[in-house]
Structure formats: C-alpha cells, structure tokens
C-alpha atoms as a PDB file:
ATOM      1  CA  MET A   1    -164.149   5.614  74.147  1.00  0.00           C
ATOM      2  CA  GLN A   2    -165.424   2.442  75.403  1.00  0.00           C
ATOM      3  CA  GLU A   3    -163.572  -0.425  74.451  1.00  0.00           C
ATOM      4  CA  GLN A   4    -165.359  -3.450  72.005  1.00  0.00           C
ATOM      5  CA  ASP A   5    -165.807  -6.881  73.217  1.00  0.00           C
ATOM      6  CA  ASN A   6    -163.885  -9.239  71.038  1.00  0.00           C
ATOM      7  CA  SER A   7    -164.292 -12.285  73.572  1.00  0.00           C
ATOM      8  CA  ALA A   8    -165.763 -15.265  71.607  1.00  0.00           C
ATOM      9  CA  VAL A   9    -166.996 -18.817  72.445  1.00  0.00           C
ATOM     10  CA  ALA A  10    -165.572 -21.782  70.514  1.00  0.00           C
ATOM     11  CA  PRO A  11    -167.609 -24.974  70.473  1.00  0.00           C
ATOM     12  CA  GLU A  12    -165.520 -28.105  72.766  1.00  0.00           C
ATOM     13  CA  LEU A  13    -164.539 -30.787  70.425  1.00  0.00           C
ATOM     14  CA  PRO A  14    -165.218 -33.939  71.853  1.00  0.00           C
ATOM     15  CA  ALA A  15    -162.359 -35.641  74.098  1.00  0.00           C
ATOM     16  CA  GLN A  16    -160.019 -38.347  71.908  1.00  0.00           C
ATOM     17  CA  THR A  17    -161.518 -41.705  73.123  1.00  0.00           C
ATOM     18  CA  SER A  18    -159.192 -45.020  72.679  1.00  0.00           C
ATOM     19  CA  PRO A  19    -161.094 -47.866  70.394  1.00  0.00           C
ATOM     20  CA  LYS A  20    -163.777 -49.948  72.492  1.00  0.00           C
ATOM     21  CA  ASP A  21    -162.853 -53.178  73.848  1.00  0.00           C
ATOM     22  CA  PRO A  22    -164.773 -55.634  72.519  1.00  0.00           C
ATOM     23  CA  THR A  23    -165.083 -57.959  75.477  1.00  0.00           C
ATOM     24  CA  ARG A  24    -165.542 -54.585  78.182  1.00  0.00           C
ATOM     25  CA  SER A  25    -168.816 -53.917  75.665  1.00  0.00           C
ATOM     26  CA  SER A  26    -169.909 -57.963  75.580  1.00  0.00           C
ATOM     27  CA  MET A  27    -169.758 -57.805  79.052  1.00  0.00           C
ATOM     28  CA  TRP A  28    -171.611 -54.537  80.453  1.00  0.00           C
ATOM     29  CA  ASN A  29    -174.281 -55.802  77.699  1.00  0.00           C
ATOM     30  CA  ALA A  30    -174.674 -58.944  79.404  1.00  0.00           C
ATOM     31  CA  LEU A  31    -174.697 -57.029  82.595  1.00  0.00           C
ATOM     32  CA  SER A  32    -177.153 -54.694  81.583  1.00  0.00           C
ATOM     33  CA  TRP A  33    -179.664 -57.253  80.655  1.00  0.00           C
ATOM     34  CA  ALA A  34    -179.342 -59.478  83.504  1.00  0.00           C
ATOM     35  CA  ARG A  35    -180.194 -55.567  85.676  1.00  0.00           C
ATOM     36  CA  ASP A  36    -182.782 -55.317  83.626  1.00  0.00           C
ATOM     37  CA  LEU A  37    -184.721 -58.962  84.025  1.00  0.00           C
ATOM     38  CA  ALA A  38    -183.925 -58.348  87.705  1.00  0.00           C
ATOM     39  CA  PHE A  39    -185.806 -55.427  87.839  1.00  0.00           C
ATOM     40  CA  SER A  40    -188.849 -57.025  85.839  1.00  0.00           C
ATOM     41  CA  VAL A  41    -188.976 -60.253  87.901  1.00  0.00           C
ATOM     42  CA  LEU A  42    -189.373 -57.600  91.195  1.00  0.00           C
ATOM     43  CA  ILE A  43    -191.969 -55.909  89.229  1.00  0.00           C
ATOM     44  CA  ALA A  44    -193.830 -59.324  88.805  1.00  0.00           C
ATOM     45  CA  VAL A  45    -192.989 -60.902  92.084  1.00  0.00           C
ATOM     46  CA  VAL A  46    -194.723 -57.540  93.227  1.00  0.00           C
ATOM     47  CA  LEU A  47    -197.417 -57.754  90.967  1.00  0.00           C
ATOM     48  CA  ILE A  48    -198.303 -61.081  91.871  1.00  0.00           C
ATOM     49  CA  VAL A  49    -197.798 -61.119  95.628  1.00  0.00           C
ATOM     50  CA  PHE A  50    -199.324 -57.798  96.586  1.00  0.00           C
ATOM     51  CA  ILE A  51    -201.730 -56.438  94.039  1.00  0.00           C
ATOM     52  CA  TYR A  52    -202.670 -58.866  91.075  1.00  0.00           C
ATOM     53  CA  GLN A  53    -202.405 -63.043  91.162  1.00  0.00           C
ATOM     54  CA  PRO A  54    -203.534 -65.056  87.956  1.00  0.00           C
ATOM     55  CA  VAL A  55    -205.822 -67.971  88.846  1.00  0.00           C
ATOM     56  CA  LYS A  56    -207.408 -71.168  87.101  1.00  0.00           C
ATOM     57  CA  VAL A  57    -211.439 -70.944  87.492  1.00  0.00           C
ATOM     58  CA  GLU A  58    -212.448 -74.939  88.032  1.00  0.00           C
ATOM     59  CA  GLY A  59    -215.908 -76.058  87.571  1.00  0.00           C
ATOM     60  CA  THR A  60    -219.337 -74.227  86.252  1.00  0.00           C
ATOM     61  CA  SER A  61    -221.085 -72.762  89.172  1.00  0.00           C
ATOM     62  CA  MET A  62    -220.187 -69.143  87.819  1.00  0.00           C
ATOM     63  CA  GLN A  63    -221.289 -69.311  84.153  1.00  0.00           C
ATOM     64  CA  PRO A  64    -221.961 -67.697  82.055  1.00  0.00           C
ATOM     65  CA  THR A  65    -219.949 -64.827  83.855  1.00  0.00           C
ATOM     66  CA  LEU A  66    -217.072 -67.643  84.471  1.00  0.00           C
ATOM     67  CA  GLN A  67    -216.246 -70.580  82.726  1.00  0.00           C
ATOM     68  CA  ASN A  68    -214.208 -73.722  83.437  1.00  0.00           C
ATOM     69  CA  ASP A  69    -210.743 -73.511  82.636  1.00  0.00           C
ATOM     70  CA  GLU A  70    -210.979 -69.807  82.349  1.00  0.00           C
ATOM     71  CA  ARG A  71    -207.299 -67.782  83.783  1.00  0.00           C
ATOM     72  CA  ILE A  72    -208.304 -64.811  85.654  1.00  0.00           C
ATOM     73  CA  PHE A  73    -206.871 -62.094  87.325  1.00  0.00           C
ATOM     74  CA  ILE A  74    -207.963 -61.529  91.335  1.00  0.00           C
ATOM     75  CA  ASN A  75    -207.293 -58.301  92.522  1.00  0.00           C
ATOM     76  CA  LYS A  76    -205.568 -58.829  96.428  1.00  0.00           C
ATOM     77  CA  PHE A  77    -204.560 -55.048  97.048  1.00  0.00           C
ATOM     78  CA  THR A  78    -207.815 -53.187  97.683  1.00  0.00           C
ATOM     79  CA  TYR A  79    -209.452 -55.519  99.969  1.00  0.00           C
ATOM     80  CA  ARG A  80    -206.392 -55.896 102.038  1.00  0.00           C
ATOM     81  CA  PHE A  81    -205.302 -52.657 102.790  1.00  0.00           C
ATOM     82  CA  GLY A  82    -208.680 -51.201 103.053  1.00  0.00           C
ATOM     83  CA  LEU A  83    -209.071 -49.350  99.425  1.00  0.00           C
ATOM     84  CA  ALA A  84    -212.442 -50.665  98.712  1.00  0.00           C
ATOM     85  CA  SER A  85    -215.133 -52.645 100.553  1.00  0.00           C
ATOM     86  CA  ILE A  86    -216.781 -55.507  99.424  1.00  0.00           C
ATOM     87  CA  ALA A  87    -220.057 -54.600  97.534  1.00  0.00           C
ATOM     88  CA  ARG A  88    -222.984 -56.389  96.613  1.00  0.00           C
ATOM     89  CA  GLY A  89    -222.371 -57.952  93.377  1.00  0.00           C
ATOM     90  CA  ASP A  90    -218.181 -58.016  93.782  1.00  0.00           C
ATOM     91  CA  THR A  91    -217.290 -61.608  92.219  1.00  0.00           C
ATOM     92  CA  VAL A  92    -214.910 -62.519  95.374  1.00  0.00           C
ATOM     93  CA  VAL A  93    -212.387 -65.544  95.933  1.00  0.00           C
ATOM     94  CA  PHE A  94    -211.728 -66.400  99.531  1.00  0.00           C
ATOM     95  CA  TRP A  95    -211.082 -69.609 101.211  1.00  0.00           C
ATOM     96  CA  TYR A  96    -213.587 -71.900 101.675  1.00  0.00           C
ATOM     97  CA  PRO A  97    -215.438 -71.810 105.322  1.00  0.00           C
ATOM     98  CA  GLN A  98    -215.476 -75.335 105.852  1.00  0.00           C
ATOM     99  CA  ASP A  99    -212.055 -76.177 104.612  1.00  0.00           C
ATOM    100  CA  PRO A 100    -209.481 -73.588 104.079  1.00  0.00           C
ATOM    101  CA  SER A 101    -207.235 -75.406 101.903  1.00  0.00           C
ATOM    102  CA  LYS A 102    -209.549 -74.544  99.173  1.00  0.00           C
ATOM    103  CA  SER A 103    -210.377 -71.485  97.469  1.00  0.00           C
ATOM    104  CA  TYR A 104    -213.802 -70.377  96.007  1.00  0.00           C
ATOM    105  CA  ILE A 105    -215.054 -68.040  93.745  1.00  0.00           C
ATOM    106  CA  LYS A 106    -218.433 -66.322  93.929  1.00  0.00           C
ATOM    107  CA  ARG A 107    -220.583 -63.745  93.950  1.00  0.00           C
ATOM    108  CA  VAL A 108    -221.562 -61.573  97.007  1.00  0.00           C
ATOM    109  CA  ILE A 109    -225.286 -61.161  97.130  1.00  0.00           C
ATOM    110  CA  GLY A 110    -225.732 -59.663 101.094  1.00  0.00           C
ATOM    111  CA  ILE A 111    -223.114 -57.953 102.800  1.00  0.00           C
ATOM    112  CA  PRO A 112    -222.875 -57.359 106.915  1.00  0.00           C
ATOM    113  CA  GLY A 113    -226.539 -56.151 107.945  1.00  0.00           C
ATOM    114  CA  ASP A 114    -228.713 -56.861 104.237  1.00  0.00           C
ATOM    115  CA  ARG A 115    -231.607 -58.625 105.120  1.00  0.00           C
ATOM    116  CA  ILE A 116    -231.922 -61.974 102.774  1.00  0.00           C
ATOM    117  CA  ARG A 117    -234.329 -64.199 101.780  1.00  0.00           C
ATOM    118  CA  VAL A 118    -234.471 -66.902  99.187  1.00  0.00           C
ATOM    119  CA  ASP A 119    -237.746 -67.754  98.078  1.00  0.00           C
ATOM    120  CA  GLY A 120    -238.459 -70.444  95.058  1.00  0.00           C
ATOM    121  CA  GLY A 121    -235.442 -69.258  93.110  1.00  0.00           C
ATOM    122  CA  GLN A 122    -236.273 -65.574  93.856  1.00  0.00           C
ATOM    123  CA  VAL A 123    -233.665 -63.645  95.564  1.00  0.00           C
ATOM    124  CA  TYR A 124    -234.989 -60.324  97.698  1.00  0.00           C
ATOM    125  CA  VAL A 125    -232.301 -57.770  99.829  1.00  0.00           C
ATOM    126  CA  ASN A 126    -233.733 -55.855 102.072  1.00  0.00           C
ATOM    127  CA  GLY A 127    -237.491 -56.652 101.221  1.00  0.00           C
ATOM    128  CA  GLN A 128    -236.461 -56.059  97.076  1.00  0.00           C
ATOM    129  CA  LEU A 129    -236.433 -58.839  94.725  1.00  0.00           C
ATOM    130  CA  LEU A 130    -232.804 -58.654  93.661  1.00  0.00           C
ATOM    131  CA  ASP A 131    -232.371 -57.950  89.635  1.00  0.00           C
ATOM    132  CA  GLU A 132    -230.027 -60.672  88.350  1.00  0.00           C
ATOM    133  CA  GLU A 133    -229.362 -60.297  84.673  1.00  0.00           C
ATOM    134  CA  TYR A 134    -226.072 -62.159  85.463  1.00  0.00           C
ATOM    135  CA  VAL A 135    -228.157 -65.511  85.940  1.00  0.00           C
ATOM    136  CA  PRO A 136    -229.770 -66.481  82.461  1.00  0.00           C
ATOM    137  CA  ALA A 137    -233.242 -68.589  82.864  1.00  0.00           C
ATOM    138  CA  VAL A 138    -231.633 -71.867  82.027  1.00  0.00           C
ATOM    139  CA  ASN A 139    -229.248 -71.787  85.122  1.00  0.00           C
ATOM    140  CA  ARG A 140    -232.494 -70.727  87.661  1.00  0.00           C
ATOM    141  CA  ASP A 141    -233.818 -72.526  90.038  1.00  0.00           C
ATOM    142  CA  SER A 142    -237.022 -72.984  92.277  1.00  0.00           C
ATOM    143  CA  VAL A 143    -235.004 -73.450  95.546  1.00  0.00           C
ATOM    144  CA  SER A 144    -236.023 -71.928  98.815  1.00  0.00           C
ATOM    145  CA  TRP A 145    -233.493 -71.122 101.285  1.00  0.00           C
ATOM    146  CA  LYS A 146    -234.346 -71.569 105.155  1.00  0.00           C
ATOM    147  CA  ASP A 147    -237.943 -72.417 103.704  1.00  0.00           C
ATOM    148  CA  GLY A 148    -237.955 -68.624 102.340  1.00  0.00           C
ATOM    149  CA  GLU A 149    -237.795 -67.144 105.630  1.00  0.00           C
ATOM    150  CA  GLU A 150    -235.782 -63.943 105.564  1.00  0.00           C
ATOM    151  CA  GLN A 151    -232.507 -64.144 107.380  1.00  0.00           C
ATOM    152  CA  ILE A 152    -230.334 -61.032 109.049  1.00  0.00           C
ATOM    153  CA  VAL A 153    -226.416 -61.285 107.273  1.00  0.00           C
ATOM    154  CA  PRO A 154    -224.104 -61.954 110.487  1.00  0.00           C
ATOM    155  CA  ALA A 155    -221.373 -58.973 111.641  1.00  0.00           C
ATOM    156  CA  ASP A 156    -218.137 -59.520 109.415  1.00  0.00           C
ATOM    157  CA  LYS A 157    -219.570 -61.883 107.284  1.00  0.00           C
ATOM    158  CA  TYR A 158    -220.952 -62.092 103.600  1.00  0.00           C
ATOM    159  CA  PHE A 159    -223.817 -64.112 101.992  1.00  0.00           C
ATOM    160  CA  VAL A 160    -222.466 -65.260  98.647  1.00  0.00           C
ATOM    161  CA  LEU A 161    -224.137 -67.308  95.602  1.00  0.00           C
ATOM    162  CA  GLY A 162    -222.720 -68.483  91.774  1.00  0.00           C
ATOM    163  CA  ASP A 163    -224.353 -67.534  88.749  1.00  0.00           C
ATOM    164  CA  HIS A 164    -225.521 -70.867  87.998  1.00  0.00           C
ATOM    165  CA  ARG A 165    -228.204 -71.062  90.719  1.00  0.00           C
ATOM    166  CA  ASN A 166    -228.744 -75.029  89.631  1.00  0.00           C
ATOM    167  CA  SER A 167    -225.091 -75.795  89.673  1.00  0.00           C
ATOM    168  CA  SER A 168    -223.850 -74.251  92.449  1.00  0.00           C
ATOM    169  CA  SER A 169    -222.364 -74.928  96.405  1.00  0.00           C
ATOM    170  CA  ASP A 170    -222.635 -71.660  97.884  1.00  0.00           C
ATOM    171  CA  SER A 171    -223.901 -69.680 101.122  1.00  0.00           C
ATOM    172  CA  ARG A 172    -227.360 -71.831 100.685  1.00  0.00           C
ATOM    173  CA  THR A 173    -225.592 -75.024 101.264  1.00  0.00           C
ATOM    174  CA  TRP A 174    -222.632 -74.165 104.002  1.00  0.00           C
ATOM    175  CA  GLY A 175    -223.489 -70.968 105.204  1.00  0.00           C
ATOM    176  CA  TYR A 176    -221.964 -67.320 105.152  1.00  0.00           C
ATOM    177  CA  VAL A 177    -218.531 -66.320 104.058  1.00  0.00           C
ATOM    178  CA  PRO A 178    -216.213 -64.685 106.830  1.00  0.00           C
ATOM    179  CA  ARG A 179    -214.619 -61.915 106.107  1.00  0.00           C
ATOM    180  CA  ASP A 180    -210.900 -62.363 106.770  1.00  0.00           C
ATOM    181  CA  HIS A 181    -211.980 -65.742 104.343  1.00  0.00           C
ATOM    182  CA  ILE A 182    -212.235 -63.310 101.370  1.00  0.00           C
ATOM    183  CA  TYR A 183    -208.764 -62.375  99.941  1.00  0.00           C
ATOM    184  CA  GLY A 184    -209.523 -61.542  96.689  1.00  0.00           C
ATOM    185  CA  ARG A 185    -211.954 -59.711  93.609  1.00  0.00           C
ATOM    186  CA  ALA A 186    -211.917 -61.360  90.491  1.00  0.00           C
ATOM    187  CA  VAL A 187    -211.506 -58.685  87.885  1.00  0.00           C
ATOM    188  CA  PHE A 188    -209.973 -59.809  84.147  1.00  0.00           C
ATOM    189  CA  VAL A 189    -210.337 -62.681  82.067  1.00  0.00           C
ATOM    190  CA  TYR A 190    -207.121 -63.377  80.212  1.00  0.00           C
ATOM    191  CA  TRP A 191    -207.457 -66.470  78.770  1.00  0.00           C
ATOM    192  CA  PRO A 192    -208.923 -68.043  76.436  1.00  0.00           C
ATOM    193  CA  LEU A 193    -208.071 -64.839  74.290  1.00  0.00           C
ATOM    194  CA  ASP A 194    -211.712 -64.589  73.046  1.00  0.00           C
ATOM    195  CA  ARG A 195    -213.057 -63.974  76.087  1.00  0.00           C
ATOM    196  CA  MET A 196    -210.396 -61.688  77.743  1.00  0.00           C
ATOM    197  CA  GLY A 197    -212.063 -58.629  79.315  1.00  0.00           C
ATOM    198  CA  ARG A 198    -212.957 -57.177  82.426  1.00  0.00           C
ATOM    199  CA  LEU A 199    -215.592 -58.887  84.583  1.00  0.00           C
ATOM    200  CA  LYS A 200    -218.437 -56.621  86.032  1.00  0.00           C
END
C-alpha cells in the first residue's frame, strides 16, 4: 500500500517591518530625483554633442524652406561617422569657407564630380535641367555663373545654393564648400510651433 503524500505548502507571511523613518524616506526621494536629473542631463548632452544640435536660422537665403529666426535641429551624427553620404538636395550646415568662425546653411546642388551650369538662373546638373520645386518663381533670378559655362565640382567639395536665389550668398559668389567644413544636416523645425515638422 502506497503512503499518501500529505506534504503541503503554506504561503509565506510578509516579514514584519518597522515603521518608515520619514527623514530617511525624504533623503531617498531627493537622491532618486537627483539621480534621474543627472541621467536626463547626460542623455541631453550626448544627444546635443554627438547627434542633434539646436540652431537658429539667421537671414532669408533659404526662404521659403526656412524662415529667419526659425529654430531647427541639425543631425551631426550621420555625416561625422559616415553613416550617410552628402547627397544632392540635402540642406546642410557648414563653416563658411571665407570665415570659418561663421556657420551657413544652404542646399547641396552639386557633389564631387558633377558638371554644374547656371545659365540665366537655370541650374543644370550633368546636362539635365534641375527641377527645383523648392524655389518659387518670386525667389528666382536670371544670374549666370561663370558666364553660363559648365564647371566640374572638384573632389571633396560641394556646390551649394540658397533657395532664395535673388537673396543668397552662396557658391556662385564664393565657390565650393570643402567636405570637412560640412558638419550637419538640417532635419527638423521645432519653432515656431506652426512651422514644426521634418525638413525635406
């Protein structure tokens, strides 16, 4: 005859604890708050230093894409670490070649090796007329660059233009932008709120 197993498991009762010390509880809350604040600041610093940086647009050379005094985020990560190459159409932030203490923002029109021609305000890239829907008719001009003759963008340099062509100091005036001067891509408008959104 088999013996019946009469073993049982009883639920554990919570251990008796002494009443909480209010001073200790307040100190612990303060330390937790300080820890969370320090962690948040650290994350913000990492984002600003290595990935996104807030900047203020000054001037009208990129209207209507960007307005004077708008606040935008630029992505410094992808270009710096080679996760993406600089492409035609990118809106980039760079050190002004003639005074590297100043930052400019323009649109990339020509990349290294491209054949660029600006004739009577019309932009041609590699023999094809560039479709520039981001340049309204009111912002166009009739200026020719280098007498309308085709130019080849040198290695490690970029040809950039402002979207507001008749109000922009750009590669037509001061030449190409060296690759090592370009440090970010404009990606997002965050102020004013009615203009908030991703940049194309």
